[in-house]
N, C-alpha and C. Protein backbone atom coordinates (compact mmCIF):
# COMPACT_ATOMS: atom_id res chain seq x y z
N UNK A 1 -20.63 -9.28 24.62
CA UNK A 1 -20.88 -8.37 23.58
C UNK A 1 -21.94 -8.90 22.63
N UNK A 2 -22.93 -8.07 22.36
CA UNK A 2 -24.08 -8.61 21.61
C UNK A 2 -23.82 -8.36 20.05
N UNK A 3 -24.48 -8.80 19.22
CA UNK A 3 -24.24 -8.72 17.75
C UNK A 3 -24.42 -7.11 17.32
N UNK A 4 -25.19 -6.49 18.06
CA UNK A 4 -25.37 -5.02 17.82
C UNK A 4 -23.99 -4.25 18.11
N UNK A 5 -23.22 -4.82 19.03
CA UNK A 5 -22.11 -4.03 19.49
C UNK A 5 -20.77 -4.33 18.58
N UNK A 6 -20.91 -5.45 17.83
CA UNK A 6 -19.74 -5.73 17.06
C UNK A 6 -19.72 -5.09 15.76
N UNK A 7 -18.56 -4.73 15.14
CA UNK A 7 -18.48 -3.90 13.89
C UNK A 7 -19.13 -4.72 12.84
N UNK A 8 -19.81 -4.09 12.00
CA UNK A 8 -20.43 -4.81 10.90
C UNK A 8 -19.47 -4.84 9.73
N UNK A 9 -19.31 -6.19 9.25
CA UNK A 9 -18.45 -6.46 8.05
C UNK A 9 -19.39 -6.54 6.92
N UNK A 10 -18.97 -5.87 5.86
CA UNK A 10 -19.87 -5.86 4.62
C UNK A 10 -19.73 -7.24 4.01
N UNK A 11 -20.84 -7.67 3.49
CA UNK A 11 -20.89 -8.92 2.77
C UNK A 11 -20.26 -8.70 1.46
N UNK A 12 -19.43 -9.85 1.11
CA UNK A 12 -18.73 -9.79 -0.31
C UNK A 12 -19.58 -10.76 -1.14
N UNK A 13 -20.44 -10.26 -2.06
CA UNK A 13 -21.18 -10.99 -2.90
C UNK A 13 -20.56 -10.96 -4.29
N UNK A 14 -20.48 -12.04 -4.99
CA UNK A 14 -19.90 -12.09 -6.35
C UNK A 14 -20.87 -11.44 -7.42
N UNK A 15 -21.05 -10.05 -7.22
CA UNK A 15 -22.03 -9.35 -8.35
C UNK A 15 -21.26 -8.37 -9.08
N UNK A 16 -19.93 -8.21 -8.83
CA UNK A 16 -19.21 -7.29 -9.64
C UNK A 16 -18.61 -8.00 -10.93
N UNK A 17 -18.85 -7.54 -12.05
CA UNK A 17 -18.17 -8.28 -13.19
C UNK A 17 -16.65 -8.30 -13.08
N UNK A 18 -16.17 -9.47 -13.21
CA UNK A 18 -14.70 -9.63 -13.22
C UNK A 18 -14.07 -9.71 -11.82
N UNK A 19 -14.84 -9.49 -10.77
CA UNK A 19 -14.43 -9.53 -9.37
C UNK A 19 -15.23 -10.36 -8.56
N UNK A 20 -14.75 -11.07 -7.62
CA UNK A 20 -15.60 -11.82 -6.67
C UNK A 20 -16.38 -10.93 -5.75
N UNK A 21 -15.82 -9.75 -5.36
CA UNK A 21 -16.51 -8.84 -4.49
C UNK A 21 -15.64 -7.47 -4.43
N UNK A 22 -16.24 -6.59 -3.69
CA UNK A 22 -15.46 -5.25 -3.63
C UNK A 22 -14.04 -5.34 -3.06
N UNK A 23 -13.91 -6.22 -2.08
CA UNK A 23 -12.60 -6.36 -1.49
C UNK A 23 -11.71 -6.88 -2.64
N UNK A 24 -12.01 -7.84 -3.48
CA UNK A 24 -11.27 -8.25 -4.52
C UNK A 24 -10.86 -7.19 -5.39
N UNK A 25 -11.79 -6.37 -5.81
CA UNK A 25 -11.39 -5.13 -6.69
C UNK A 25 -10.35 -4.30 -5.93
N UNK A 26 -10.54 -4.00 -4.69
CA UNK A 26 -9.64 -3.13 -3.92
C UNK A 26 -8.34 -3.72 -3.91
N UNK A 27 -8.16 -5.01 -3.59
CA UNK A 27 -6.93 -5.68 -3.46
C UNK A 27 -6.19 -5.79 -4.78
N UNK A 28 -6.93 -5.82 -5.84
CA UNK A 28 -6.22 -5.75 -7.20
C UNK A 28 -5.64 -4.49 -7.50
N UNK A 29 -6.28 -3.40 -7.08
CA UNK A 29 -5.81 -2.04 -7.23
C UNK A 29 -4.61 -1.76 -6.42
N UNK A 30 -4.44 -2.28 -5.24
CA UNK A 30 -3.43 -2.00 -4.40
C UNK A 30 -2.42 -3.19 -4.27
N UNK A 31 -2.47 -4.07 -5.19
CA UNK A 31 -1.72 -5.20 -5.22
C UNK A 31 -0.22 -4.92 -5.00
N UNK A 32 0.49 -5.60 -4.21
CA UNK A 32 1.90 -5.48 -4.06
C UNK A 32 2.22 -4.71 -2.74
N UNK A 33 3.49 -4.77 -2.52
CA UNK A 33 4.05 -4.32 -1.28
C UNK A 33 4.04 -2.72 -1.33
N UNK A 34 4.28 -2.14 -2.52
CA UNK A 34 4.67 -0.66 -2.59
C UNK A 34 3.41 0.24 -2.73
N UNK A 35 2.39 -0.22 -3.46
CA UNK A 35 1.28 0.73 -3.71
C UNK A 35 0.65 1.26 -2.53
N UNK A 36 0.29 0.57 -1.50
CA UNK A 36 -0.25 1.18 -0.43
C UNK A 36 0.60 2.20 0.36
N UNK A 37 1.96 1.90 0.18
CA UNK A 37 2.91 3.04 0.93
C UNK A 37 3.04 4.21 -0.04
N UNK A 38 2.95 4.00 -1.31
CA UNK A 38 2.92 5.22 -2.24
C UNK A 38 1.65 6.02 -1.89
N UNK A 39 0.43 5.41 -1.81
CA UNK A 39 -0.66 6.05 -1.45
C UNK A 39 -0.60 6.83 -0.18
N UNK A 40 0.04 6.12 0.84
CA UNK A 40 0.18 6.75 2.29
C UNK A 40 1.08 7.92 2.12
N UNK A 41 2.22 7.83 1.42
CA UNK A 41 3.09 8.97 1.50
C UNK A 41 2.47 10.13 0.70
N UNK A 42 1.84 9.84 -0.54
CA UNK A 42 1.29 10.93 -1.31
C UNK A 42 0.14 11.54 -0.48
N UNK A 43 -0.59 10.80 0.42
CA UNK A 43 -1.64 11.41 1.16
C UNK A 43 -1.16 12.29 2.37
N UNK A 44 0.10 12.38 2.55
CA UNK A 44 0.69 13.17 3.63
C UNK A 44 0.62 14.67 3.28
N UNK A 45 0.40 14.98 2.02
CA UNK A 45 0.32 16.39 1.64
C UNK A 45 0.81 16.72 0.46
N UNK A 46 0.02 17.21 -0.43
CA UNK A 46 0.30 18.08 -1.62
C UNK A 46 1.05 17.14 -2.66
N UNK A 47 1.40 17.78 -3.74
CA UNK A 47 2.17 17.11 -4.88
C UNK A 47 3.58 16.79 -4.27
N UNK A 48 4.10 15.64 -4.73
CA UNK A 48 5.29 15.20 -4.19
C UNK A 48 6.30 14.81 -5.36
N UNK A 49 7.58 15.37 -5.26
CA UNK A 49 8.50 15.05 -6.29
C UNK A 49 8.96 13.59 -6.22
N UNK A 50 9.40 12.98 -7.39
CA UNK A 50 9.82 11.60 -7.28
C UNK A 50 10.88 11.30 -6.28
N UNK A 51 11.90 12.15 -6.22
CA UNK A 51 13.02 11.92 -5.30
C UNK A 51 12.51 11.96 -3.86
N UNK A 52 11.65 12.86 -3.50
CA UNK A 52 11.14 12.90 -2.12
C UNK A 52 10.41 11.73 -1.68
N UNK A 53 9.75 11.14 -2.81
CA UNK A 53 8.80 9.89 -2.46
C UNK A 53 9.93 8.80 -2.36
N UNK A 54 10.92 8.68 -3.20
CA UNK A 54 11.92 7.63 -3.17
C UNK A 54 12.64 7.59 -1.77
N UNK A 55 13.01 8.74 -1.29
CA UNK A 55 13.61 8.78 0.02
C UNK A 55 12.66 8.40 1.22
N UNK A 56 11.42 8.67 1.04
CA UNK A 56 10.45 8.38 2.03
C UNK A 56 10.23 6.89 2.08
N UNK A 57 10.40 6.17 0.93
CA UNK A 57 10.12 4.76 0.92
C UNK A 57 11.24 3.96 1.04
N UNK A 58 12.48 4.39 1.25
CA UNK A 58 13.71 3.82 1.58
C UNK A 58 13.97 2.60 0.71
N UNK A 59 13.45 1.45 0.98
CA UNK A 59 13.93 0.17 0.38
C UNK A 59 13.48 -0.18 -1.02
N UNK A 60 12.66 0.67 -1.58
CA UNK A 60 12.17 0.39 -2.94
C UNK A 60 13.14 0.70 -3.94
N UNK A 61 13.35 -0.13 -5.13
CA UNK A 61 14.19 0.25 -6.11
C UNK A 61 13.53 1.30 -7.03
N UNK A 62 14.32 2.08 -7.80
CA UNK A 62 13.89 2.90 -8.82
C UNK A 62 12.92 2.33 -9.80
N UNK A 63 13.32 1.15 -10.33
CA UNK A 63 12.52 0.36 -11.30
C UNK A 63 11.14 0.09 -10.73
N UNK A 64 11.07 -0.38 -9.52
CA UNK A 64 9.91 -0.77 -8.87
C UNK A 64 9.04 0.46 -8.58
N UNK A 65 9.60 1.44 -8.09
CA UNK A 65 8.79 2.62 -7.76
C UNK A 65 8.14 3.38 -9.02
N UNK A 66 8.97 3.43 -10.20
CA UNK A 66 8.46 3.93 -11.45
C UNK A 66 7.37 3.08 -12.00
N UNK A 67 7.54 1.68 -11.85
CA UNK A 67 6.39 0.88 -12.37
C UNK A 67 5.27 0.96 -11.55
N UNK A 68 5.28 0.97 -10.34
CA UNK A 68 4.14 1.13 -9.32
C UNK A 68 3.43 2.53 -9.54
N UNK A 69 4.24 3.55 -9.84
CA UNK A 69 3.58 4.79 -10.09
C UNK A 69 2.91 4.91 -11.42
N UNK A 70 3.43 4.22 -12.35
CA UNK A 70 2.81 4.14 -13.61
C UNK A 70 1.50 3.45 -13.57
N UNK A 71 1.39 2.35 -12.88
CA UNK A 71 0.21 1.55 -12.72
C UNK A 71 -0.81 2.27 -11.82
N UNK A 72 -0.38 2.98 -10.85
CA UNK A 72 -1.35 3.78 -10.04
C UNK A 72 -1.90 4.92 -10.86
N UNK A 73 -1.04 5.40 -11.77
CA UNK A 73 -1.49 6.55 -12.68
C UNK A 73 -2.53 5.97 -13.71
N UNK A 74 -2.17 4.87 -14.29
CA UNK A 74 -3.06 4.22 -15.28
C UNK A 74 -4.38 3.81 -14.63
N UNK A 75 -4.46 3.50 -13.34
CA UNK A 75 -5.60 3.11 -12.68
C UNK A 75 -6.42 4.33 -12.12
N UNK A 76 -5.90 5.61 -12.39
CA UNK A 76 -6.59 6.77 -12.07
C UNK A 76 -6.52 7.07 -10.54
N UNK A 77 -5.55 6.59 -9.84
CA UNK A 77 -5.40 6.84 -8.41
C UNK A 77 -4.36 8.05 -8.17
N UNK A 78 -3.41 8.16 -9.10
CA UNK A 78 -2.37 9.08 -8.96
C UNK A 78 -2.25 9.91 -10.28
N UNK A 79 -2.06 11.24 -10.08
CA UNK A 79 -1.94 12.13 -11.18
C UNK A 79 -0.43 12.47 -11.25
N UNK A 80 0.12 12.37 -12.45
CA UNK A 80 1.54 12.77 -12.71
C UNK A 80 1.52 14.15 -13.46
N UNK A 81 2.31 15.01 -12.96
CA UNK A 81 2.43 16.37 -13.64
C UNK A 81 3.84 16.52 -14.06
N UNK A 82 4.05 16.63 -15.38
CA UNK A 82 5.37 16.93 -15.89
C UNK A 82 5.39 18.38 -16.27
N UNK A 83 6.22 19.06 -15.72
CA UNK A 83 6.32 20.58 -15.97
C UNK A 83 7.10 20.90 -17.23
N UNK A 84 7.69 19.96 -17.96
CA UNK A 84 8.41 20.04 -19.24
C UNK A 84 9.44 21.23 -19.05
N UNK A 85 10.29 21.01 -17.94
CA UNK A 85 11.41 21.91 -17.69
C UNK A 85 12.69 21.23 -17.90
N UNK A 86 13.74 22.03 -17.98
CA UNK A 86 15.07 21.45 -17.92
C UNK A 86 15.79 22.08 -16.78
N UNK A 87 16.24 21.35 -15.91
CA UNK A 87 16.16 19.86 -15.82
C UNK A 87 14.68 19.56 -15.50
N UNK A 88 14.46 18.21 -15.87
CA UNK A 88 13.06 17.71 -15.60
C UNK A 88 12.51 17.81 -14.37
N UNK A 89 11.28 18.29 -14.26
CA UNK A 89 10.53 18.36 -12.94
C UNK A 89 9.28 17.69 -13.09
N UNK A 90 8.93 16.59 -12.37
CA UNK A 90 7.75 15.90 -12.32
C UNK A 90 7.23 15.76 -10.86
N UNK A 91 5.91 15.82 -10.70
CA UNK A 91 5.53 15.43 -9.19
C UNK A 91 4.30 14.66 -9.44
N UNK A 92 3.95 14.06 -8.31
CA UNK A 92 2.79 13.13 -8.24
C UNK A 92 1.86 13.54 -7.08
N UNK A 93 0.66 13.41 -7.25
CA UNK A 93 -0.40 13.80 -6.40
C UNK A 93 -1.65 12.68 -6.46
N UNK A 94 -2.33 12.62 -5.42
CA UNK A 94 -3.52 11.67 -5.36
C UNK A 94 -4.66 12.41 -6.14
N UNK A 95 -5.38 11.59 -6.95
CA UNK A 95 -6.59 12.02 -7.71
C UNK A 95 -7.59 11.99 -6.49
N UNK A 96 -8.82 12.48 -6.70
CA UNK A 96 -9.93 12.25 -5.77
C UNK A 96 -10.23 10.67 -5.46
N UNK A 97 -10.09 9.84 -6.50
CA UNK A 97 -10.25 8.42 -6.31
C UNK A 97 -9.18 7.97 -5.38
N UNK A 98 -7.89 8.28 -5.68
CA UNK A 98 -6.76 7.96 -4.70
C UNK A 98 -6.87 8.49 -3.37
N UNK A 99 -7.47 9.63 -3.17
CA UNK A 99 -7.56 10.20 -1.91
C UNK A 99 -8.63 9.27 -1.15
N UNK A 100 -9.67 8.80 -1.73
CA UNK A 100 -10.64 8.06 -1.06
C UNK A 100 -10.13 6.70 -0.63
N UNK A 101 -9.09 6.11 -1.58
CA UNK A 101 -8.67 4.88 -1.20
C UNK A 101 -7.61 5.09 -0.06
N UNK A 102 -6.82 6.15 -0.17
CA UNK A 102 -5.83 6.44 0.92
C UNK A 102 -6.55 6.53 2.33
N UNK A 103 -7.71 7.18 2.28
CA UNK A 103 -8.56 7.36 3.51
C UNK A 103 -9.01 5.96 3.99
N UNK A 104 -9.35 5.12 3.13
CA UNK A 104 -9.76 3.75 3.42
C UNK A 104 -8.59 2.79 3.98
N UNK A 105 -7.45 3.28 3.74
CA UNK A 105 -6.19 2.52 4.13
C UNK A 105 -5.82 3.09 5.75
N UNK A 106 -6.42 4.20 6.24
CA UNK A 106 -6.04 4.71 7.49
C UNK A 106 -6.36 3.60 8.54
N UNK A 107 -7.43 3.00 8.62
CA UNK A 107 -7.65 2.01 9.67
C UNK A 107 -6.58 0.93 9.63
N UNK A 108 -5.99 0.51 8.41
CA UNK A 108 -5.02 -0.48 8.49
C UNK A 108 -3.66 0.02 8.99
N UNK A 109 -3.50 1.24 8.72
CA UNK A 109 -2.25 1.94 9.38
C UNK A 109 -2.41 2.10 10.92
N UNK A 110 -3.62 2.37 11.27
CA UNK A 110 -3.91 2.50 12.80
C UNK A 110 -3.78 1.05 13.33
N UNK A 111 -4.16 -0.07 12.78
CA UNK A 111 -4.03 -1.34 13.28
C UNK A 111 -2.56 -1.84 13.35
N UNK A 112 -1.74 -1.36 12.33
CA UNK A 112 -0.31 -1.82 12.34
C UNK A 112 0.38 -1.09 13.45
N UNK A 113 0.05 0.18 13.72
CA UNK A 113 0.65 0.96 14.84
C UNK A 113 0.21 0.40 16.16
N UNK A 114 -1.01 0.06 16.32
CA UNK A 114 -1.50 -0.34 17.65
C UNK A 114 -0.94 -1.80 17.98
N UNK A 115 -0.61 -2.52 16.84
CA UNK A 115 -0.21 -3.95 17.08
C UNK A 115 1.24 -4.08 16.80
N UNK A 116 2.05 -3.11 16.66
CA UNK A 116 3.41 -3.27 16.15
C UNK A 116 4.25 -4.20 16.95
N UNK A 117 4.19 -4.16 18.33
CA UNK A 117 4.94 -5.02 19.16
C UNK A 117 4.58 -6.46 18.86
N UNK A 118 3.38 -6.78 18.84
CA UNK A 118 2.96 -8.09 18.49
C UNK A 118 3.36 -8.63 17.11
N UNK A 119 3.31 -7.71 16.23
CA UNK A 119 3.73 -8.07 14.75
C UNK A 119 5.14 -8.31 14.75
N UNK A 120 5.82 -7.44 15.37
CA UNK A 120 7.34 -7.54 15.42
C UNK A 120 7.78 -8.84 16.02
N UNK A 121 7.15 -9.20 17.18
CA UNK A 121 7.27 -10.49 17.82
C UNK A 121 7.10 -11.70 16.90
N UNK A 122 5.92 -11.70 16.15
CA UNK A 122 5.67 -12.72 15.29
C UNK A 122 6.64 -12.93 14.24
N UNK A 123 7.06 -11.83 13.55
CA UNK A 123 8.00 -11.83 12.51
C UNK A 123 9.34 -12.32 12.89
N UNK A 124 9.71 -11.90 14.22
CA UNK A 124 11.06 -12.40 14.72
C UNK A 124 10.92 -13.79 14.98
N UNK A 125 9.87 -14.30 15.50
CA UNK A 125 9.76 -15.78 15.71
C UNK A 125 9.74 -16.60 14.52
N UNK A 126 9.07 -16.05 13.44
CA UNK A 126 9.08 -16.78 12.12
C UNK A 126 10.52 -16.83 11.59
N UNK A 127 11.24 -15.70 11.67
CA UNK A 127 12.67 -15.67 11.13
C UNK A 127 13.47 -16.73 11.85
N UNK A 128 13.37 -16.83 13.20
CA UNK A 128 14.11 -17.61 14.03
C UNK A 128 13.77 -19.15 13.73
N UNK A 129 12.47 -19.45 13.42
CA UNK A 129 12.12 -20.73 12.99
C UNK A 129 12.71 -21.09 11.71
N UNK A 130 12.78 -20.13 10.74
CA UNK A 130 13.29 -20.27 9.42
C UNK A 130 14.81 -20.58 9.47
N UNK A 131 15.49 -19.88 10.41
CA UNK A 131 16.92 -20.07 10.64
C UNK A 131 17.10 -21.36 11.27
N UNK A 132 16.37 -21.83 12.19
CA UNK A 132 16.54 -23.20 12.68
C UNK A 132 16.25 -24.24 11.63
N UNK A 133 15.30 -24.14 10.84
CA UNK A 133 14.95 -25.14 9.81
C UNK A 133 16.13 -25.17 8.77
N UNK A 134 16.67 -23.96 8.52
CA UNK A 134 17.87 -24.04 7.56
C UNK A 134 19.02 -24.67 8.15
N UNK A 135 19.35 -24.49 9.44
CA UNK A 135 20.55 -25.13 10.07
C UNK A 135 20.32 -26.68 10.05
N UNK A 136 19.01 -27.08 10.27
CA UNK A 136 18.69 -28.54 10.34
C UNK A 136 18.88 -29.19 9.04
N UNK A 137 18.52 -28.50 7.96
CA UNK A 137 18.66 -28.91 6.52
C UNK A 137 20.12 -29.02 6.16
N UNK A 138 20.86 -28.19 6.67
CA UNK A 138 22.38 -28.18 6.26
C UNK A 138 23.11 -29.32 6.91
N UNK A 139 22.61 -29.91 8.04
CA UNK A 139 23.29 -30.99 8.67
C UNK A 139 23.22 -32.30 8.03
């Protein structure tokens, strides 16, 4: 494979104020386990009610989901619409900035799907090694 055939990786030069590079800025915006998943589920289509988002994300606590939604809203990636009704009705949707970031995450999703068997094997092996180390320490 020649240099012309390989995918071009953008150079990360420390020219952004407060960030080492564009990747640093992106990672700070999506920092944490839940933010990329929130963006993914909101990108699936239209405004989403809190309960629907909570069910889709399964293991996230209410406290963590609320905190992450507030941060994504403050960062301009998610728009929160409060309909000021009784009972309360609120939904969340991606802003154009959030939509562009969600699209940038698509290749990561594809990579995870394509490599799921290998990633599962690696994590199972890591867990087995941890269990063995714990048993050894208990003796």
